[in-house]
């Protein structure tokens, strides 16, 4: 085994979908999978009126947590023979538990409710806090997604899991490219034997008249950005000769173009400046847009 993929499990349909994604990813990485569930009972005034003691509530929650982990472990072991699945139960607040668990693995996976249609993810306070503060790569998986969604349809148009993977999409900022983010995307594409689509978007400053960019100027700008992209990607193409790379330079908001690309992707990879403090962590505007609206799983890779 080369490492551990960590899954934050909360019992929702979305986290169960994320569990399947995490299991498949662990197999791709020849890694083990650890299921982590954190819970902390909160005193509820209505419990006293119902004649329920806090100790009884604690015991019930502990039992439910144990069953959730045990049943999920059994399901994944049955569906993915050969996968090493372990569990960890903690009666503490979810955010510090998940951040600590992430430090013990190479990838943290969380589920998120979809907003419906192609509207994207609904991010709760726990998810946002973990995304903003994790020092390890994190993947957010939307509920309702299945393995066949990551693969191209067959010749008849039917969905399946035996066809090639859809492209991995990387959002690359030419102003501040980071090897950690780019390397993650190339590695993900190589493991899937998938193509890698690299998107860089340049949005003109607000004071600039967008109409001033005629066709000739736009062509020159895009050509210049394509040249810069090729220069940044050249050493990675040499390192991963088996990955077919498509570089796309566009004028406009990078987040919007990445969201559009996500509709035909197996995975979208974006970066986030690593936080070195416990408070004040932020998610950049591009990553924020992708997290809220992407149709595919999203990997957020901290850097810096």
Protein backbone atom coordinates (compact mmCIF):
# COMPACT_ATOMS: atom_id res chain seq x y z
CA UNK A 1 0.00 0.00 0.00
CA UNK A 2 1.30 3.44 -0.94
CA UNK A 3 -0.80 5.51 1.47
CA UNK A 4 -4.24 6.16 2.88
CA UNK A 5 -7.34 7.87 1.53
CA UNK A 6 -9.47 9.33 4.33
CA UNK A 7 -13.25 9.67 4.08
CA UNK A 8 -15.32 11.90 6.34
CA UNK A 9 -18.55 9.93 6.88
CA UNK A 10 -21.70 11.50 8.31
CA UNK A 11 -24.39 9.00 7.30
CA UNK A 12 -25.99 11.14 4.57
CA UNK A 13 -26.69 9.90 1.06
CA UNK A 14 -24.01 12.29 -0.14
CA UNK A 15 -21.31 10.91 2.14
CA UNK A 16 -22.20 7.38 1.04
CA UNK A 17 -21.68 8.43 -2.59
CA UNK A 18 -18.38 9.96 -1.51
CA UNK A 19 -17.48 6.64 0.18
CA UNK A 20 -17.79 4.81 -3.14
CA UNK A 21 -15.70 7.47 -4.89
CA UNK A 22 -13.07 7.27 -2.15
CA UNK A 23 -12.97 3.47 -2.45
CA UNK A 24 -12.38 3.66 -6.21
CA UNK A 25 -9.72 6.31 -5.70
CA UNK A 26 -7.96 4.20 -3.08
CA UNK A 27 -7.79 1.31 -5.55
CA UNK A 28 -6.40 3.63 -8.24
CA UNK A 29 -3.70 4.71 -5.77
CA UNK A 30 -3.06 1.23 -4.37
CA UNK A 31 -3.91 2.79 -1.01
CA UNK A 32 -5.99 1.82 2.01
CA UNK A 33 -9.22 3.59 2.95
CA UNK A 34 -10.03 4.93 6.43
CA UNK A 35 -13.60 5.89 7.33
CA UNK A 36 -13.81 8.64 9.95
CA UNK A 37 -16.97 9.64 11.78
CA UNK A 38 -16.97 12.45 14.34
CA UNK A 39 -19.94 13.21 16.53
CA UNK A 40 -20.49 15.32 19.60
CA UNK A 41 -23.80 15.16 21.48
CA UNK A 42 -25.38 18.52 22.18
CA UNK A 43 -27.70 18.93 25.19
CA UNK A 44 -31.23 19.43 23.89
CA UNK A 45 -33.83 21.00 26.14
CA UNK A 46 -36.61 18.90 24.60
CA UNK A 47 -34.80 15.72 25.65
CA UNK A 48 -35.58 16.41 29.30
CA UNK A 49 -39.27 16.92 28.49
CA UNK A 50 -39.26 13.60 26.61
CA UNK A 51 -37.76 11.86 29.60
CA UNK A 52 -34.50 11.13 27.77
CA UNK A 53 -31.34 11.42 29.84
CA UNK A 54 -28.17 12.86 28.34
CA UNK A 55 -26.32 9.65 29.14
CA UNK A 56 -28.94 7.67 27.20
CA UNK A 57 -28.68 10.11 24.28
CA UNK A 58 -24.90 9.74 24.33
CA UNK A 59 -25.16 5.96 24.29
CA UNK A 60 -27.65 6.02 21.40
CA UNK A 61 -25.45 8.32 19.32
CA UNK A 62 -22.39 6.24 20.03
CA UNK A 63 -24.23 3.10 18.96
CA UNK A 64 -25.51 4.71 15.76
CA UNK A 65 -22.02 5.93 14.92
CA UNK A 66 -20.57 2.45 15.44
CA UNK A 67 -23.24 0.85 13.24
CA UNK A 68 -22.72 3.46 10.50
CA UNK A 69 -19.01 2.78 10.34
CA UNK A 70 -19.40 -0.99 10.59
CA UNK A 71 -22.09 -1.22 7.90
CA UNK A 72 -20.27 1.12 5.50
CA UNK A 73 -17.06 -0.81 5.98
CA UNK A 74 -18.85 -4.08 5.19
CA UNK A 75 -20.52 -2.63 2.09
CA UNK A 76 -17.30 -1.24 0.67
CA UNK A 77 -15.35 -4.42 1.40
CA UNK A 78 -18.01 -6.40 -0.46
CA UNK A 79 -18.17 -4.02 -3.44
CA UNK A 80 -14.41 -3.57 -3.78
CA UNK A 81 -12.62 -6.87 -3.10
CA UNK A 82 -9.04 -6.44 -2.00
CA UNK A 83 -9.59 -2.95 -0.59
CA UNK A 84 -8.25 -2.46 2.95
CA UNK A 85 -10.93 -0.50 4.87
CA UNK A 86 -10.49 0.65 8.47
CA UNK A 87 -12.67 2.85 10.69
CA UNK A 88 -12.19 5.60 13.24
CA UNK A 89 -14.90 6.85 15.60
CA UNK A 90 -14.41 10.10 17.54
CA UNK A 91 -16.79 11.82 19.97
CA UNK A 92 -15.45 15.28 19.20
CA UNK A 93 -16.26 18.20 16.95
CA UNK A 94 -16.08 17.31 13.27
CA UNK A 95 -13.80 20.07 11.98
CA UNK A 96 -10.69 19.38 14.13
CA UNK A 97 -11.18 15.62 13.77
CA UNK A 98 -11.32 15.81 9.96
CA UNK A 99 -8.34 18.18 9.77
CA UNK A 100 -6.29 15.88 12.00
CA UNK A 101 -7.35 12.80 10.03
CA UNK A 102 -6.36 14.49 6.77
CA UNK A 103 -2.83 14.93 8.09
CA UNK A 104 -2.56 11.15 8.45
CA UNK A 105 -3.49 10.46 4.81
CA UNK A 106 -2.66 11.59 1.31
CA UNK A 107 -6.20 12.65 0.39
CA UNK A 108 -9.37 13.62 2.28
CA UNK A 109 -12.78 12.99 0.67
CA UNK A 110 -16.07 14.61 1.71
CA UNK A 111 -19.60 14.47 0.34
CA UNK A 112 -21.81 17.45 -0.39
CA UNK A 113 -25.44 17.95 -1.25
CA UNK A 114 -26.14 19.03 -4.80
CA UNK A 115 -28.30 22.08 -5.44
CA UNK A 116 -30.15 20.26 -8.20
CA UNK A 117 -29.58 20.00 -11.94
CA UNK A 118 -26.20 21.48 -12.81
CA UNK A 119 -26.32 24.03 -10.01
CA UNK A 120 -23.50 22.35 -8.11
CA UNK A 121 -22.65 21.81 -4.47
CA UNK A 122 -24.31 23.00 -1.30
CA UNK A 123 -21.48 23.63 1.14
CA UNK A 124 -22.16 23.51 4.87
CA UNK A 125 -20.10 25.25 7.54
CA UNK A 126 -18.09 22.11 8.35
CA UNK A 127 -17.19 21.48 4.71
CA UNK A 128 -16.22 25.09 4.06
CA UNK A 129 -14.05 25.21 7.18
CA UNK A 130 -12.25 21.99 6.28
CA UNK A 131 -11.74 23.04 2.64
CA UNK A 132 -10.33 26.38 3.75
CA UNK A 133 -7.97 24.98 6.39
CA UNK A 134 -6.87 21.54 5.25
CA UNK A 135 -3.16 21.27 4.48
CA UNK A 136 -3.73 18.09 2.48
CA UNK A 137 -5.54 17.72 -0.87
CA UNK A 138 -9.29 17.34 -0.48
CA UNK A 139 -11.93 16.07 -2.90
CA UNK A 140 -15.56 17.10 -2.68
CA UNK A 141 -18.03 14.59 -4.16
CA UNK A 142 -21.57 15.52 -5.01
CA UNK A 143 -24.44 13.21 -4.09
CA UNK A 144 -26.12 11.29 -6.88
CA UNK A 145 -22.91 10.78 -8.84
CA UNK A 146 -21.86 7.26 -9.79
CA UNK A 147 -18.83 5.57 -11.32
CA UNK A 148 -20.32 5.65 -14.82
CA UNK A 149 -20.53 9.47 -14.64
CA UNK A 150 -16.72 9.54 -14.70
CA UNK A 151 -16.51 7.51 -17.93
CA UNK A 152 -17.30 8.30 -21.55
CA UNK A 153 -20.45 6.69 -23.00
CA UNK A 154 -19.98 3.69 -25.25
CA UNK A 155 -20.59 3.63 -29.02
CA UNK A 156 -24.33 3.31 -28.47
CA UNK A 157 -24.39 6.24 -26.05
CA UNK A 158 -24.98 4.04 -23.02
CA UNK A 159 -23.25 4.79 -19.71
CA UNK A 160 -20.83 2.28 -18.23
CA UNK A 161 -17.55 1.81 -16.40
CA UNK A 162 -15.57 -0.10 -19.03
CA UNK A 163 -15.05 2.87 -21.37
CA UNK A 164 -12.18 5.38 -20.93
CA UNK A 165 -12.37 8.02 -18.24
CA UNK A 166 -13.50 11.53 -19.10
CA UNK A 167 -10.77 14.18 -19.00
CA UNK A 168 -9.32 15.53 -15.79
CA UNK A 169 -9.64 19.34 -15.84
CA UNK A 170 -7.02 21.60 -14.25
CA UNK A 171 -7.49 25.27 -13.51
CA UNK A 172 -4.02 26.81 -13.94
CA UNK A 173 -3.16 30.37 -12.89
CA UNK A 174 -0.27 31.53 -15.07
CA UNK A 175 0.43 34.42 -12.72
CA UNK A 176 1.29 32.03 -9.90
CA UNK A 177 1.50 28.38 -11.03
CA UNK A 178 2.25 25.81 -8.36
CA UNK A 179 3.87 22.44 -8.96
CA UNK A 180 1.82 20.85 -6.17
CA UNK A 181 -1.45 21.59 -7.97
CA UNK A 182 -0.20 20.78 -11.47
CA UNK A 183 1.46 17.58 -10.29
CA UNK A 184 -1.75 16.42 -8.60
CA UNK A 185 -3.70 16.89 -11.84
CA UNK A 186 -1.14 15.09 -14.01
CA UNK A 187 -0.97 12.22 -11.52
CA UNK A 188 -4.78 11.94 -11.44
CA UNK A 189 -4.94 11.85 -15.25
CA UNK A 190 -2.15 9.27 -15.47
CA UNK A 191 -3.82 6.96 -12.95
CA UNK A 192 -7.05 7.11 -14.95
CA UNK A 193 -5.32 6.86 -18.36
CA UNK A 194 -7.33 9.99 -19.10
CA UNK A 195 -6.63 13.18 -20.97
CA UNK A 196 -5.79 16.37 -19.11
CA UNK A 197 -7.53 19.60 -20.10
CA UNK A 198 -5.74 22.65 -18.72
CA UNK A 199 -7.77 25.87 -18.54
CA UNK A 200 -6.35 29.34 -17.92
CA UNK A 201 -8.69 32.30 -17.93
CA UNK A 202 -7.76 35.98 -17.92
CA UNK A 203 -10.45 38.42 -16.88
CA UNK A 204 -9.71 42.05 -17.92
CA UNK A 205 -9.77 44.60 -15.08
CA UNK A 206 -13.14 46.16 -14.35
CA UNK A 207 -12.04 49.54 -15.71
CA UNK A 208 -11.16 48.07 -19.09
CA UNK A 209 -13.83 48.18 -21.78
CA UNK A 210 -14.31 44.56 -22.82
CA UNK A 211 -15.62 45.77 -26.15
CA UNK A 212 -12.20 47.24 -26.89
CA UNK A 213 -10.86 43.74 -27.47
CA UNK A 214 -11.56 43.17 -31.14
CA UNK A 215 -11.01 39.83 -32.80
CA UNK A 216 -7.39 40.57 -33.71
CA UNK A 217 -6.46 41.69 -30.19
CA UNK A 218 -8.22 38.69 -28.65
CA UNK A 219 -6.37 36.33 -30.98
CA UNK A 220 -3.04 37.91 -30.01
CA UNK A 221 -3.85 37.75 -26.29
CA UNK A 222 -4.95 34.13 -26.47
CA UNK A 223 -1.87 33.23 -28.52
CA UNK A 224 0.37 34.85 -25.91
CA UNK A 225 -1.37 32.96 -23.08
CA UNK A 226 -1.14 29.69 -25.01
CA UNK A 227 2.60 30.20 -25.38
CA UNK A 228 2.95 30.80 -21.65
CA UNK A 229 0.84 27.71 -20.92
CA UNK A 230 3.00 25.55 -23.17
CA UNK A 231 6.11 26.80 -21.38
CA UNK A 232 4.73 25.97 -17.93
CA UNK A 233 3.44 22.58 -19.04
CA UNK A 234 6.53 21.48 -21.01
CA UNK A 235 8.37 19.77 -18.11
CA UNK A 236 5.16 18.03 -17.00
CA UNK A 237 4.55 16.70 -20.48
CA UNK A 238 8.03 15.20 -20.37
CA UNK A 239 7.43 13.69 -16.93
CA UNK A 240 4.04 12.24 -17.98
CA UNK A 241 4.47 11.37 -21.68
CA UNK A 242 1.42 9.10 -21.61
CA UNK A 243 -0.97 11.93 -20.64
CA UNK A 244 -2.56 13.69 -23.60
CA UNK A 245 -2.71 17.39 -22.70
CA UNK A 246 -5.07 19.97 -24.15
CA UNK A 247 -4.25 23.57 -23.15
CA UNK A 248 -7.03 26.13 -23.31
CA UNK A 249 -6.51 29.89 -22.86
CA UNK A 250 -9.66 31.98 -22.61
CA UNK A 251 -10.65 35.57 -21.93
CA UNK A 252 -13.17 35.82 -19.13
CA UNK A 253 -13.69 34.50 -15.62
CA UNK A 254 -11.70 31.32 -15.09
CA UNK A 255 -14.31 29.96 -12.67
CA UNK A 256 -17.06 30.10 -15.29
CA UNK A 257 -14.95 28.28 -17.88
CA UNK A 258 -13.96 25.60 -15.37
CA UNK A 259 -17.59 25.06 -14.39
CA UNK A 260 -18.47 24.62 -18.05
CA UNK A 261 -15.58 22.17 -18.54
CA UNK A 262 -16.68 20.20 -15.44
CA UNK A 263 -19.80 18.98 -17.24
CA UNK A 264 -17.68 16.59 -19.28
CA UNK A 265 -14.94 15.83 -16.74
CA UNK A 266 -14.13 12.99 -14.38
CA UNK A 267 -12.42 15.36 -11.93
CA UNK A 268 -11.71 19.09 -11.66
CA UNK A 269 -8.51 20.21 -9.93
CA UNK A 270 -8.05 23.69 -8.47
CA UNK A 271 -5.57 25.22 -6.05
CA UNK A 272 -5.93 27.12 -2.80
CA UNK A 273 -3.34 29.15 -0.94
CA UNK A 274 -2.46 27.17 2.19
CA UNK A 275 -3.43 28.71 5.51
CA UNK A 276 -0.76 28.91 8.20
CA UNK A 277 -3.13 30.16 10.90
CA UNK A 278 -6.14 28.66 12.62
CA UNK A 279 -8.35 31.61 11.70
CA UNK A 280 -8.85 33.78 8.69
CA UNK A 281 -8.47 31.01 6.11
CA UNK A 282 -10.01 31.91 2.76
CA UNK A 283 -11.08 30.18 -0.41
CA UNK A 284 -10.18 32.14 -3.54
CA UNK A 285 -12.92 33.33 -5.93
CA UNK A 286 -12.11 30.81 -8.68
CA UNK A 287 -12.05 27.85 -6.30
CA UNK A 288 -15.17 29.15 -4.58
CA UNK A 289 -17.05 29.34 -7.91
CA UNK A 290 -15.95 25.85 -8.92
CA UNK A 291 -16.90 24.36 -5.54
CA UNK A 292 -20.39 25.83 -5.72
CA UNK A 293 -21.20 25.05 -9.34
CA UNK A 294 -19.08 22.18 -10.71
CA UNK A 295 -20.87 19.11 -12.02
CA UNK A 296 -17.92 16.75 -11.36
CA UNK A 297 -15.97 15.92 -8.20
CA UNK A 298 -13.60 18.75 -7.27
CA UNK A 299 -10.08 18.36 -5.88
CA UNK A 300 -8.79 21.34 -3.90
CA UNK A 301 -5.02 21.25 -3.55
CA UNK A 302 -3.39 23.62 -1.01
CA UNK A 303 -0.13 25.27 -2.02
CA UNK A 304 2.33 27.87 -0.83
